């Protein structure tokens, strides 16, 4: 509820588009990827992502970024949801996402 109350829709104006395109982008970034990263940089926002290329870009430009395991760990730390639900969700993620770090996933399952 706290997050929902502090959400806002941010616009990219025409003047921002020129600035956005002037940044050094990795190949394969979509306009959506660029928009998210540009706005995060402009407004000093946290980025939740799942792509390695976006994570590297965030590191290069000192933008805090995290993936799905970070969010799941926060759920565990805060005691949100029942343990069985969190285990089932993590196991489901592991089944469909071969790129997740196995050691971290197993550590989270132990918690």
PDB file of N, CA and C in Angstrom:
ATOM      1  N   UNK A   1       0.821  -1.185   0.000  1.00  0.00           N
ATOM      2  CA  UNK A   1       0.000   0.000   0.000  1.00  0.00           C
ATOM      3  C   UNK A   1       0.875   1.263   0.000  1.00  0.00           C
ATOM      4  N   UNK A   2       1.981   1.232   0.762  1.00  0.00           N
ATOM      5  CA  UNK A   2       2.871   2.392   0.800  1.00  0.00           C
ATOM      6  C   UNK A   2       3.453   2.679  -0.582  1.00  0.00           C
ATOM      7  N   UNK A   3       3.833   1.617  -1.278  1.00  0.00           N
ATOM      8  CA  UNK A   3       4.403   1.793  -2.612  1.00  0.00           C
ATOM      9  C   UNK A   3       3.352   2.367  -3.552  1.00  0.00           C
ATOM     10  N   UNK A   4       2.155   1.826  -3.498  1.00  0.00           N
ATOM     11  CA  UNK A   4       1.086   2.290  -4.371  1.00  0.00           C
ATOM     12  C   UNK A   4       0.798   3.773  -4.149  1.00  0.00           C
ATOM     13  N   UNK A   5       0.832   4.221  -2.926  1.00  0.00           N
ATOM     14  CA  UNK A   5       0.549   5.622  -2.627  1.00  0.00           C
ATOM     15  C   UNK A   5       1.644   6.570  -3.108  1.00  0.00           C
ATOM     16  N   UNK A   6       2.849   6.052  -3.307  1.00  0.00           N
ATOM     17  CA  UNK A   6       3.937   6.936  -3.724  1.00  0.00           C
ATOM     18  C   UNK A   6       4.294   6.781  -5.204  1.00  0.00           C
ATOM     19  N   UNK A   7       3.480   6.087  -5.959  1.00  0.00           N
ATOM     20  CA  UNK A   7       3.738   5.904  -7.389  1.00  0.00           C
ATOM     21  C   UNK A   7       3.312   7.131  -8.183  1.00  0.00           C
ATOM     22  N   UNK A   8       4.028   7.363  -9.254  1.00  0.00           N
ATOM     23  CA  UNK A   8       3.697   8.472 -10.143  1.00  0.00           C
ATOM     24  C   UNK A   8       4.031   8.066 -11.568  1.00  0.00           C
ATOM     25  N   UNK A   9       3.321   8.632 -12.505  1.00  0.00           N
ATOM     26  CA  UNK A   9       3.610   8.408 -13.917  1.00  0.00           C
ATOM     27  C   UNK A   9       4.545   9.522 -14.366  1.00  0.00           C
ATOM     28  N   UNK A  10       5.686   9.136 -14.901  1.00  0.00           N
ATOM     29  CA  UNK A  10       6.667  10.110 -15.375  1.00  0.00           C
ATOM     30  C   UNK A  10       6.612  10.179 -16.894  1.00  0.00           C
ATOM     31  N   UNK A  11       6.699  11.358 -17.428  1.00  0.00           N
ATOM     32  CA  UNK A  11       6.655  11.559 -18.867  1.00  0.00           C
ATOM     33  C   UNK A  11       8.047  11.868 -19.403  1.00  0.00           C
ATOM     34  N   UNK A  12       8.259  11.454 -20.632  1.00  0.00           N
ATOM     35  CA  UNK A  12       9.469  11.848 -21.338  1.00  0.00           C
ATOM     36  C   UNK A  12       9.035  12.883 -22.365  1.00  0.00           C
ATOM     37  N   UNK A  13       9.489  14.094 -22.165  1.00  0.00           N
ATOM     38  CA  UNK A  13       9.130  15.199 -23.057  1.00  0.00           C
ATOM     39  C   UNK A  13      10.052  15.199 -24.264  1.00  0.00           C
ATOM     40  N   UNK A  14       9.678  15.957 -25.275  1.00  0.00           N
ATOM     41  CA  UNK A  14      10.482  16.016 -26.501  1.00  0.00           C
ATOM     42  C   UNK A  14      11.922  16.420 -26.225  1.00  0.00           C
ATOM     43  N   UNK A  15      12.113  17.367 -25.316  1.00  0.00           N
ATOM     44  CA  UNK A  15      13.474  17.809 -24.989  1.00  0.00           C
ATOM     45  C   UNK A  15      14.268  16.681 -24.336  1.00  0.00           C
ATOM     46  N   UNK A  16      13.577  15.842 -23.541  1.00  0.00           N
ATOM     47  CA  UNK A  16      14.226  14.697 -22.902  1.00  0.00           C
ATOM     48  C   UNK A  16      14.629  13.638 -23.923  1.00  0.00           C
ATOM     49  N   UNK A  17      13.856  13.499 -24.991  1.00  0.00           N
ATOM     50  CA  UNK A  17      14.156  12.486 -26.010  1.00  0.00           C
ATOM     51  C   UNK A  17      15.524  12.728 -26.636  1.00  0.00           C
ATOM     52  N   UNK A  18      15.866  13.975 -26.845  1.00  0.00           N
ATOM     53  CA  UNK A  18      17.187  14.291 -27.404  1.00  0.00           C
ATOM     54  C   UNK A  18      18.287  13.879 -26.431  1.00  0.00           C
ATOM     55  N   UNK A  19      18.085  14.179 -25.164  1.00  0.00           N
ATOM     56  CA  UNK A  19      19.051  13.786 -24.120  1.00  0.00           C
ATOM     57  C   UNK A  19      19.147  12.274 -24.019  1.00  0.00           C
ATOM     58  N   UNK A  20      18.002  11.623 -24.086  1.00  0.00           N
ATOM     59  CA  UNK A  20      17.931  10.167 -23.991  1.00  0.00           C
ATOM     60  C   UNK A  20      18.747   9.534 -25.114  1.00  0.00           C
ATOM     61  N   UNK A  21      18.555   9.996 -26.322  1.00  0.00           N
ATOM     62  CA  UNK A  21      19.254   9.414 -27.472  1.00  0.00           C
ATOM     63  C   UNK A  21      20.747   9.731 -27.468  1.00  0.00           C
ATOM     64  N   UNK A  22      21.156  10.783 -26.762  1.00  0.00           N
ATOM     65  CA  UNK A  22      22.569  11.162 -26.713  1.00  0.00           C
ATOM     66  C   UNK A  22      23.386  10.260 -25.788  1.00  0.00           C
ATOM     67  N   UNK A  23      22.717   9.522 -24.899  1.00  0.00           N
ATOM     68  CA  UNK A  23      23.435   8.631 -23.990  1.00  0.00           C
ATOM     69  C   UNK A  23      23.996   7.434 -24.754  1.00  0.00           C
ATOM     70  N   UNK A  24      25.012   6.819 -24.193  1.00  0.00           N
ATOM     71  CA  UNK A  24      25.642   5.661 -24.829  1.00  0.00           C
ATOM     72  C   UNK A  24      24.876   4.399 -24.440  1.00  0.00           C
ATOM     73  N   UNK A  25      24.201   3.819 -25.403  1.00  0.00           N
ATOM     74  CA  UNK A  25      23.365   2.642 -25.140  1.00  0.00           C
ATOM     75  C   UNK A  25      24.010   1.393 -25.706  1.00  0.00           C
ATOM     76  N   UNK A  26      23.819   0.296 -24.996  1.00  0.00           N
ATOM     77  CA  UNK A  26      24.245  -0.997 -25.504  1.00  0.00           C
ATOM     78  C   UNK A  26      23.319  -1.387 -26.659  1.00  0.00           C
ATOM     79  N   UNK A  27      23.833  -2.185 -27.552  1.00  0.00           N
ATOM     80  CA  UNK A  27      22.989  -2.664 -28.642  1.00  0.00           C
ATOM     81  C   UNK A  27      21.871  -3.538 -28.073  1.00  0.00           C
ATOM     82  N   UNK A  28      20.738  -3.467 -28.684  1.00  0.00           N
ATOM     83  CA  UNK A  28      19.625  -4.306 -28.280  1.00  0.00           C
ATOM     84  C   UNK A  28      18.683  -3.670 -27.280  1.00  0.00           C
ATOM     85  N   UNK A  29      19.002  -2.481 -26.789  1.00  0.00           N
ATOM     86  CA  UNK A  29      18.076  -1.806 -25.876  1.00  0.00           C
ATOM     87  C   UNK A  29      16.866  -1.307 -26.666  1.00  0.00           C
ATOM     88  N   UNK A  30      15.697  -1.580 -26.162  1.00  0.00           N
ATOM     89  CA  UNK A  30      14.477  -1.064 -26.764  1.00  0.00           C
ATOM     90  C   UNK A  30      14.251   0.362 -26.277  1.00  0.00           C
ATOM     91  N   UNK A  31      13.301   1.054 -26.888  1.00  0.00           N
ATOM     92  CA  UNK A  31      12.970   2.401 -26.421  1.00  0.00           C
ATOM     93  C   UNK A  31      12.474   2.335 -24.980  1.00  0.00           C
ATOM     94  N   UNK A  32      11.730   1.274 -24.642  1.00  0.00           N
ATOM     95  CA  UNK A  32      11.235   1.101 -23.272  1.00  0.00           C
ATOM     96  C   UNK A  32      12.402   0.953 -22.295  1.00  0.00           C
ATOM     97  N   UNK A  33      13.386   0.111 -22.636  1.00  0.00           N
ATOM     98  CA  UNK A  33      14.578  -0.051 -21.789  1.00  0.00           C
ATOM     99  C   UNK A  33      15.257   1.293 -21.570  1.00  0.00           C
ATOM    100  N   UNK A  34      15.472   2.006 -22.659  1.00  0.00           N
ATOM    101  CA  UNK A  34      16.147   3.303 -22.584  1.00  0.00           C
ATOM    102  C   UNK A  34      15.356   4.287 -21.727  1.00  0.00           C
ATOM    103  N   UNK A  35      14.040   4.276 -21.879  1.00  0.00           N
ATOM    104  CA  UNK A  35      13.190   5.195 -21.114  1.00  0.00           C
ATOM    105  C   UNK A  35      13.287   4.924 -19.624  1.00  0.00           C
ATOM    106  N   UNK A  36      13.226   3.646 -19.252  1.00  0.00           N
ATOM    107  CA  UNK A  36      13.315   3.272 -17.837  1.00  0.00           C
ATOM    108  C   UNK A  36      14.654   3.720 -17.255  1.00  0.00           C
ATOM    109  N   UNK A  37      15.725   3.420 -17.954  1.00  0.00           N
ATOM    110  CA  UNK A  37      17.056   3.758 -17.450  1.00  0.00           C
ATOM    111  C   UNK A  37      17.282   5.271 -17.431  1.00  0.00           C
ATOM    112  N   UNK A  38      16.815   5.957 -18.451  1.00  0.00           N
ATOM    113  CA  UNK A  38      16.948   7.412 -18.511  1.00  0.00           C
ATOM    114  C   UNK A  38      16.216   8.079 -17.344  1.00  0.00           C
ATOM    115  N   UNK A  39      14.967   7.664 -17.112  1.00  0.00           N
ATOM    116  CA  UNK A  39      14.192   8.250 -16.018  1.00  0.00           C
ATOM    117  C   UNK A  39      14.798   7.905 -14.659  1.00  0.00           C
ATOM    118  N   UNK A  40      15.296   6.690 -14.523  1.00  0.00           N
ATOM    119  CA  UNK A  40      15.943   6.292 -13.266  1.00  0.00           C
ATOM    120  C   UNK A  40      17.169   7.161 -13.009  1.00  0.00           C
ATOM    121  N   UNK A  41      17.913   7.443 -14.060  1.00  0.00           N
ATOM    122  CA  UNK A  41      19.103   8.287 -13.912  1.00  0.00           C
ATOM    123  C   UNK A  41      18.706   9.729 -13.585  1.00  0.00           C
ATOM    124  N   UNK A  42      17.717  10.248 -14.257  1.00  0.00           N
ATOM    125  CA  UNK A  42      17.295  11.629 -14.058  1.00  0.00           C
ATOM    126  C   UNK A  42      16.687  11.869 -12.676  1.00  0.00           C
ATOM    127  N   UNK A  43      15.964  10.876 -12.166  1.00  0.00           N
ATOM    128  CA  UNK A  43      15.232  11.040 -10.906  1.00  0.00           C
ATOM    129  C   UNK A  43      15.835  10.253  -9.741  1.00  0.00           C
ATOM    130  N   UNK A  44      17.024   9.690  -9.971  1.00  0.00           N
ATOM    131  CA  UNK A  44      17.714   8.907  -8.937  1.00  0.00           C
ATOM    132  C   UNK A  44      16.799   7.841  -8.342  1.00  0.00           C
ATOM    133  N   UNK A  45      16.307   6.994  -9.221  1.00  0.00           N
ATOM    134  CA  UNK A  45      15.360   5.953  -8.826  1.00  0.00           C
ATOM    135  C   UNK A  45      16.012   4.581  -8.852  1.00  0.00           C
ATOM    136  N   UNK A  46      15.453   3.689  -8.096  1.00  0.00           N
ATOM    137  CA  UNK A  46      15.855   2.289  -8.063  1.00  0.00           C
ATOM    138  C   UNK A  46      15.233   1.587  -9.260  1.00  0.00           C
ATOM    139  N   UNK A  47      15.985   0.677  -9.892  1.00  0.00           N
ATOM    140  CA  UNK A  47      15.485  -0.052 -11.053  1.00  0.00           C
ATOM    141  C   UNK A  47      15.385  -1.533 -10.706  1.00  0.00           C
ATOM    142  N   UNK A  48      14.212  -2.107 -10.969  1.00  0.00           N
ATOM    143  CA  UNK A  48      14.037  -3.550 -10.853  1.00  0.00           C
ATOM    144  C   UNK A  48      14.083  -4.113 -12.258  1.00  0.00           C
ATOM    145  N   UNK A  49      14.977  -5.074 -12.473  1.00  0.00           N
ATOM    146  CA  UNK A  49      15.200  -5.569 -13.822  1.00  0.00           C
ATOM    147  C   UNK A  49      15.551  -7.042 -13.802  1.00  0.00           C
ATOM    148  N   UNK A  50      15.630  -7.607 -14.972  1.00  0.00           N
ATOM    149  CA  UNK A  50      15.986  -9.008 -15.085  1.00  0.00           C
ATOM    150  C   UNK A  50      16.990  -9.274 -16.184  1.00  0.00           C
ATOM    151  N   UNK A  51      17.516  -8.229 -16.781  1.00  0.00           N
ATOM    152  CA  UNK A  51      18.443  -8.409 -17.890  1.00  0.00           C
ATOM    153  C   UNK A  51      19.848  -7.973 -17.510  1.00  0.00           C
ATOM    154  N   UNK A  52      20.802  -8.814 -17.867  1.00  0.00           N
ATOM    155  CA  UNK A  52      22.197  -8.550 -17.535  1.00  0.00           C
ATOM    156  C   UNK A  52      22.708  -7.253 -18.171  1.00  0.00           C
ATOM    157  N   UNK A  53      22.312  -7.007 -19.425  1.00  0.00           N
ATOM    158  CA  UNK A  53      22.809  -5.795 -20.108  1.00  0.00           C
ATOM    159  C   UNK A  53      22.314  -4.530 -19.407  1.00  0.00           C
ATOM    160  N   UNK A  54      21.078  -4.568 -18.903  1.00  0.00           N
ATOM    161  CA  UNK A  54      20.561  -3.400 -18.189  1.00  0.00           C
ATOM    162  C   UNK A  54      21.272  -3.241 -16.853  1.00  0.00           C
ATOM    163  N   UNK A  55      21.545  -4.354 -16.175  1.00  0.00           N
ATOM    164  CA  UNK A  55      22.249  -4.302 -14.894  1.00  0.00           C
ATOM    165  C   UNK A  55      23.648  -3.693 -15.078  1.00  0.00           C
ATOM    166  N   UNK A  56      24.339  -4.114 -16.127  1.00  0.00           N
ATOM    167  CA  UNK A  56      25.676  -3.566 -16.403  1.00  0.00           C
ATOM    168  C   UNK A  56      25.611  -2.067 -16.665  1.00  0.00           C
ATOM    169  N   UNK A  57      24.589  -1.628 -17.400  1.00  0.00           N
ATOM    170  CA  UNK A  57      24.435  -0.207 -17.687  1.00  0.00           C
ATOM    171  C   UNK A  57      24.200   0.558 -16.389  1.00  0.00           C
ATOM    172  N   UNK A  58      23.361   0.000 -15.519  1.00  0.00           N
ATOM    173  CA  UNK A  58      23.091   0.646 -14.225  1.00  0.00           C
ATOM    174  C   UNK A  58      24.367   0.758 -13.397  1.00  0.00           C
ATOM    175  N   UNK A  59      25.167  -0.294 -13.393  1.00  0.00           N
ATOM    176  CA  UNK A  59      26.425  -0.258 -12.642  1.00  0.00           C
ATOM    177  C   UNK A  59      27.345   0.823 -13.201  1.00  0.00           C
ATOM    178  N   UNK A  60      27.425   0.912 -14.511  1.00  0.00           N
ATOM    179  CA  UNK A  60      28.292   1.897 -15.162  1.00  0.00           C
ATOM    180  C   UNK A  60      27.896   3.319 -14.785  1.00  0.00           C
ATOM    181  N   UNK A  61      26.594   3.560 -14.647  1.00  0.00           N
ATOM    182  CA  UNK A  61      26.097   4.902 -14.361  1.00  0.00           C
ATOM    183  C   UNK A  61      25.650   5.077 -12.900  1.00  0.00           C
ATOM    184  N   UNK A  62      26.095   4.173 -12.042  1.00  0.00           N
ATOM    185  CA  UNK A  62      25.830   4.256 -10.596  1.00  0.00           C
ATOM    186  C   UNK A  62      24.337   4.375 -10.256  1.00  0.00           C
ATOM    187  N   UNK A  63      23.543   3.523 -10.872  1.00  0.00           N
ATOM    188  CA  UNK A  63      22.112   3.463 -10.588  1.00  0.00           C
ATOM    189  C   UNK A  63      21.861   2.154  -9.856  1.00  0.00           C
ATOM    190  N   UNK A  64      21.219   2.244  -8.695  1.00  0.00           N
ATOM    191  CA  UNK A  64      20.929   1.033  -7.927  1.00  0.00           C
ATOM    192  C   UNK A  64      19.911   0.185  -8.683  1.00  0.00           C
ATOM    193  N   UNK A  65      20.209  -1.104  -8.824  1.00  0.00           N
ATOM    194  CA  UNK A  65      19.294  -1.998  -9.526  1.00  0.00           C
ATOM    195  C   UNK A  65      19.286  -3.368  -8.851  1.00  0.00           C
ATOM    196  N   UNK A  66      18.141  -4.034  -8.955  1.00  0.00           N
ATOM    197  CA  UNK A  66      17.971  -5.356  -8.356  1.00  0.00           C
ATOM    198  C   UNK A  66      17.048  -6.198  -9.216  1.00  0.00           C
ATOM    199  N   UNK A  67      17.140  -7.508  -9.039  1.00  0.00           N
ATOM    200  CA  UNK A  67      16.292  -8.435  -9.773  1.00  0.00           C
ATOM    201  C   UNK A  67      15.249  -9.090  -8.885  1.00  0.00           C
ATOM    202  N   UNK A  68      14.635 -10.125  -9.415  1.00  0.00           N
ATOM    203  CA  UNK A  68      13.519 -10.794  -8.749  1.00  0.00           C
ATOM    204  C   UNK A  68      13.941 -11.437  -7.422  1.00  0.00           C
ATOM    205  N   UNK A  69      15.164 -11.926  -7.332  1.00  0.00           N
ATOM    206  CA  UNK A  69      15.595 -12.564  -6.090  1.00  0.00           C
ATOM    207  C   UNK A  69      15.712 -11.562  -4.949  1.00  0.00           C
ATOM    208  N   UNK A  70      16.064 -10.340  -5.261  1.00  0.00           N
ATOM    209  CA  UNK A  70      16.114  -9.274  -4.256  1.00  0.00           C
ATOM    210  C   UNK A  70      14.722  -9.057  -3.668  1.00  0.00           C
ATOM    211  N   UNK A  71      13.735  -9.004  -4.536  1.00  0.00           N
ATOM    212  CA  UNK A  71      12.357  -8.793  -4.091  1.00  0.00           C
ATOM    213  C   UNK A  71      11.893  -9.971  -3.234  1.00  0.00           C
ATOM    214  N   UNK A  72      12.190 -11.176  -3.682  1.00  0.00           N
ATOM    215  CA  UNK A  72      11.812 -12.362  -2.914  1.00  0.00           C
ATOM    216  C   UNK A  72      12.495 -12.371  -1.548  1.00  0.00           C
ATOM    217  N   UNK A  73      13.779 -11.992  -1.514  1.00  0.00           N
ATOM    218  CA  UNK A  73      14.493 -11.926  -0.238  1.00  0.00           C
ATOM    219  C   UNK A  73      13.840 -10.911   0.695  1.00  0.00           C
ATOM    220  N   UNK A  74      13.402  -9.782   0.159  1.00  0.00           N
ATOM    221  CA  UNK A  74      12.697  -8.784   0.977  1.00  0.00           C
ATOM    222  C   UNK A  74      11.402  -9.365   1.533  1.00  0.00           C
ATOM    223  N   UNK A  75      10.681 -10.141   0.724  1.00  0.00           N
ATOM    224  CA  UNK A  75       9.466 -10.803   1.209  1.00  0.00           C
ATOM    225  C   UNK A  75       9.789 -11.731   2.377  1.00  0.00           C
ATOM    226  N   UNK A  76      10.900 -12.459   2.249  1.00  0.00           N
ATOM    227  CA  UNK A  76      11.323 -13.381   3.315  1.00  0.00           C
ATOM    228  C   UNK A  76      11.688 -12.589   4.565  1.00  0.00           C
ATOM    229  N   UNK A  77      12.520 -11.563   4.400  1.00  0.00           N
ATOM    230  CA  UNK A  77      12.973 -10.759   5.539  1.00  0.00           C
ATOM    231  C   UNK A  77      11.813 -10.081   6.275  1.00  0.00           C
ATOM    232  N   UNK A  78      10.800  -9.668   5.529  1.00  0.00           N
ATOM    233  CA  UNK A  78       9.657  -8.963   6.127  1.00  0.00           C
ATOM    234  C   UNK A  78       8.550  -9.911   6.579  1.00  0.00           C
ATOM    235  N   UNK A  79       8.715 -11.196   6.298  1.00  0.00           N
ATOM    236  CA  UNK A  79       7.707 -12.169   6.712  1.00  0.00           C
ATOM    237  C   UNK A  79       6.408 -12.067   5.927  1.00  0.00           C
ATOM    238  N   UNK A  80       6.494 -11.572   4.706  1.00  0.00           N
ATOM    239  CA  UNK A  80       5.295 -11.464   3.875  1.00  0.00           C
ATOM    240  C   UNK A  80       4.974 -12.805   3.223  1.00  0.00           C
ATOM    241  N   UNK A  81       3.746 -13.145   3.160  1.00  0.00           N
ATOM    242  CA  UNK A  81       3.239 -14.369   2.557  1.00  0.00           C
ATOM    243  C   UNK A  81       3.655 -15.594   3.382  1.00  0.00           C
ATOM    244  N   UNK A  82       2.942 -16.663   3.170  1.00  0.00           N
ATOM    245  CA  UNK A  82       3.257 -17.908   3.885  1.00  0.00           C
ATOM    246  C   UNK A  82       4.500 -18.539   3.271  1.00  0.00           C
ATOM    247  N   UNK A  83       5.237 -19.256   4.116  1.00  0.00           N
ATOM    248  CA  UNK A  83       6.482 -19.883   3.682  1.00  0.00           C
ATOM    249  C   UNK A  83       6.261 -20.800   2.477  1.00  0.00           C
ATOM    250  N   UNK A  84       5.189 -21.566   2.500  1.00  0.00           N
ATOM    251  CA  UNK A  84       4.918 -22.511   1.411  1.00  0.00           C
ATOM    252  C   UNK A  84       4.699 -21.784   0.079  1.00  0.00           C
ATOM    253  N   UNK A  85       4.095 -20.620   0.123  1.00  0.00           N
ATOM    254  CA  UNK A  85       3.852 -19.839  -1.097  1.00  0.00           C
ATOM    255  C   UNK A  85       5.185 -19.330  -1.655  1.00  0.00           C
ATOM    256  N   UNK A  86       6.052 -18.815  -0.772  1.00  0.00           N
ATOM    257  CA  UNK A  86       7.345 -18.299  -1.224  1.00  0.00           C
ATOM    258  C   UNK A  86       8.201 -19.416  -1.818  1.00  0.00           C
ATOM    259  N   UNK A  87       8.175 -20.589  -1.186  1.00  0.00           N
ATOM    260  CA  UNK A  87       8.938 -21.732  -1.700  1.00  0.00           C
ATOM    261  C   UNK A  87       8.420 -22.139  -3.073  1.00  0.00           C
ATOM    262  N   UNK A  88       7.104 -22.220  -3.201  1.00  0.00           N
ATOM    263  CA  UNK A  88       6.508 -22.615  -4.484  1.00  0.00           C
ATOM    264  C   UNK A  88       6.848 -21.610  -5.580  1.00  0.00           C
ATOM    265  N   UNK A  89       6.800 -20.324  -5.277  1.00  0.00           N
ATOM    266  CA  UNK A  89       7.110 -19.288  -6.265  1.00  0.00           C
ATOM    267  C   UNK A  89       8.575 -19.359  -6.695  1.00  0.00           C
ATOM    268  N   UNK A  90       9.475 -19.541  -5.722  1.00  0.00           N
ATOM    269  CA  UNK A  90      10.896 -19.625  -6.055  1.00  0.00           C
ATOM    270  C   UNK A  90      11.183 -20.868  -6.884  1.00  0.00           C
ATOM    271  N   UNK A  91      10.588 -21.986  -6.515  1.00  0.00           N
ATOM    272  CA  UNK A  91      10.792 -23.210  -7.299  1.00  0.00           C
ATOM    273  C   UNK A  91      10.243 -23.045  -8.716  1.00  0.00           C
ATOM    274  N   UNK A  92       9.116 -22.362  -8.832  1.00  0.00           N
ATOM    275  CA  UNK A  92       8.560 -22.082 -10.153  1.00  0.00           C
ATOM    276  C   UNK A  92       9.487 -21.207 -10.983  1.00  0.00           C
ATOM    277  N   UNK A  93      10.066 -20.188 -10.346  1.00  0.00           N
ATOM    278  CA  UNK A  93      11.030 -19.325 -11.039  1.00  0.00           C
ATOM    279  C   UNK A  93      12.251 -20.118 -11.497  1.00  0.00           C
ATOM    280  N   UNK A  94      12.726 -20.991 -10.633  1.00  0.00           N
ATOM    281  CA  UNK A  94      13.897 -21.798 -10.971  1.00  0.00           C
ATOM    282  C   UNK A  94      13.596 -22.733 -12.142  1.00  0.00           C
ATOM    283  N   UNK A  95      12.356 -23.204 -12.228  1.00  0.00           N
ATOM    284  CA  UNK A  95      11.972 -24.098 -13.323  1.00  0.00           C
ATOM    285  C   UNK A  95      11.956 -23.387 -14.672  1.00  0.00           C
ATOM    286  N   UNK A  96      11.579 -22.117 -14.677  1.00  0.00           N
ATOM    287  CA  UNK A  96      11.439 -21.416 -15.955  1.00  0.00           C
ATOM    288  C   UNK A  96      12.601 -20.478 -16.289  1.00  0.00           C
ATOM    289  N   UNK A  97      13.483 -20.227 -15.319  1.00  0.00           N
ATOM    290  CA  UNK A  97      14.570 -19.274 -15.557  1.00  0.00           C
ATOM    291  C   UNK A  97      15.913 -19.913 -15.240  1.00  0.00           C
ATOM    292  N   UNK A  98      16.563 -20.406 -16.261  1.00  0.00           N
ATOM    293  CA  UNK A  98      17.850 -21.093 -16.085  1.00  0.00           C
ATOM    294  C   UNK A  98      18.984 -20.153 -15.704  1.00  0.00           C
ATOM    295  N   UNK A  99      18.758 -18.849 -15.800  1.00  0.00           N
ATOM    296  CA  UNK A  99      19.818 -17.879 -15.543  1.00  0.00           C
ATOM    297  C   UNK A  99      19.916 -17.467 -14.079  1.00  0.00           C
ATOM    298  N   UNK A 100      18.944 -17.857 -13.274  1.00  0.00           N
ATOM    299  CA  UNK A 100      19.004 -17.505 -11.851  1.00  0.00           C
ATOM    300  C   UNK A 100      20.208 -18.177 -11.204  1.00  0.00           C
ATOM    301  N   UNK A 101      20.898 -17.485 -10.308  1.00  0.00           N
ATOM    302  CA  UNK A 101      22.060 -18.087  -9.634  1.00  0.00           C
ATOM    303  C   UNK A 101      21.610 -19.186  -8.656  1.00  0.00           C
ATOM    304  N   UNK A 102      22.006 -20.399  -8.944  1.00  0.00           N
ATOM    305  CA  UNK A 102      21.564 -21.568  -8.177  1.00  0.00           C
ATOM    306  C   UNK A 102      21.907 -21.443  -6.696  1.00  0.00           C
ATOM    307  N   UNK A 103      23.128 -20.998  -6.384  1.00  0.00           N
ATOM    308  CA  UNK A 103      23.550 -20.899  -4.980  1.00  0.00           C
ATOM    309  C   UNK A 103      22.641 -19.966  -4.185  1.00  0.00           C
ATOM    310  N   UNK A 104      22.312 -18.834  -4.760  1.00  0.00           N
ATOM    311  CA  UNK A 104      21.445 -17.870  -4.073  1.00  0.00           C
ATOM    312  C   UNK A 104      20.042 -18.446  -3.916  1.00  0.00           C
ATOM    313  N   UNK A 105      19.548 -19.098  -4.962  1.00  0.00           N
ATOM    314  CA  UNK A 105      18.208 -19.703  -4.892  1.00  0.00           C
ATOM    315  C   UNK A 105      18.136 -20.756  -3.787  1.00  0.00           C
ATOM    316  N   UNK A 106      19.157 -21.606  -3.714  1.00  0.00           N
ATOM    317  CA  UNK A 106      19.174 -22.643  -2.686  1.00  0.00           C
ATOM    318  C   UNK A 106      19.268 -22.040  -1.293  1.00  0.00           C
ATOM    319  N   UNK A 107      20.032 -20.966  -1.165  1.00  0.00           N
ATOM    320  CA  UNK A 107      20.141 -20.256   0.115  1.00  0.00           C
ATOM    321  C   UNK A 107      18.787 -19.691   0.541  1.00  0.00           C
ATOM    322  N   UNK A 108      18.060 -19.117  -0.408  1.00  0.00           N
ATOM    323  CA  UNK A 108      16.736 -18.582  -0.110  1.00  0.00           C
ATOM    324  C   UNK A 108      15.758 -19.690   0.255  1.00  0.00           C
ATOM    325  N   UNK A 109      15.863 -20.825  -0.396  1.00  0.00           N
ATOM    326  CA  UNK A 109      14.985 -21.965  -0.056  1.00  0.00           C
ATOM    327  C   UNK A 109      15.249 -22.443   1.371  1.00  0.00           C
ATOM    328  N   UNK A 110      16.507 -22.390   1.795  1.00  0.00           N
ATOM    329  CA  UNK A 110      16.845 -22.790   3.163  1.00  0.00           C
ATOM    330  C   UNK A 110      16.246 -21.849   4.195  1.00  0.00           C
ATOM    331  N   UNK A 111      16.112 -20.570   3.849  1.00  0.00           N
ATOM    332  CA  UNK A 111      15.551 -19.594   4.776  1.00  0.00           C
ATOM    333  C   UNK A 111      14.082 -19.859   4.965  1.00  0.00           C
TER     334      UNK A 111
END
